[in-house]
């Protein structure tokens, strides 16, 4: 009887010790899991907090940059509008107050017409930028012969800046290259690129245009100048709206920062691509436009 009681005691003691060991083991595991869970949750919340701070800072920096670019745009557009208006007013007042010879009057009329063209060009550029932001717009496409259009644009730019005939050279594919495009918009693209090429060429107003057909059914146009060039750090930003390459020179042509933004928007709306190449300041710039050829 005593032995049985001893056996039952040690059996109960063994079961109790085993139960206690299991309870301690399970408790330790649960305690560590709780700590691990708290640690993981803490890391996740900390990561979310840091991500939120980074996103907030990035947003603020972008907004500050946009605000600065918009201020620069307002200053530029004010200058681009005020200058020709002031010039036209001055010549009109001169014509009103003085008795000038016919040659002098004709010269004044030519200057005022040029100023009015500049004023109209600025307004059209702002309207084109607004139109470029309309994602639902549909270009009025027709079959456009690329070389003929580029030759027309080159002639307009040569007349605008009174360039010599050999200042803008067009080489490359002589066979017709047809693209399905809105002729007016495509004209805006190459007029902008050629206008920039002349304005930023300085004294060396030599523009080279090369047209070629790539094997993948794409027409490629290179517009190359020998002008002031673009720093490598600015190449990725020049197609942004309101963006202008920083310059410390007062002789750098003024602008609205909309031209290249409009160019890229139009090219992309025609399922094309545009690239820019420059080896740096003083090395000239090359713009490359690729457009799908119409079958």
Foldseek 3Di string as FASTA:
>chain_A
DVVVVVVVVVVVVVVVVVVVVVVVVVVVVVVVVVVVVVVVVVVVVVVVVVVVVVVVVVVVVVVVVVVVLVVLLVVLLCCQQVVLVVLLVVLVVCVVPDDDDPVVNVVSVVSNVLSVVSNVVSVVLVVLLVVLPPPPDDAPWDKDFVVVLLVVLVVVLCVSVVHDPQQEEEDEDPDTFIATGRSVLVSLLNNLLLNVQQLQAPPRSHWYWYWYADPVQKIKIKIWHQGFWAAPVCQVPLLDASDDGDDPDPSRDGDNSRSSVSNQSRLVSQVKHKHKDTPHTRGIIMIMIMHGTDD
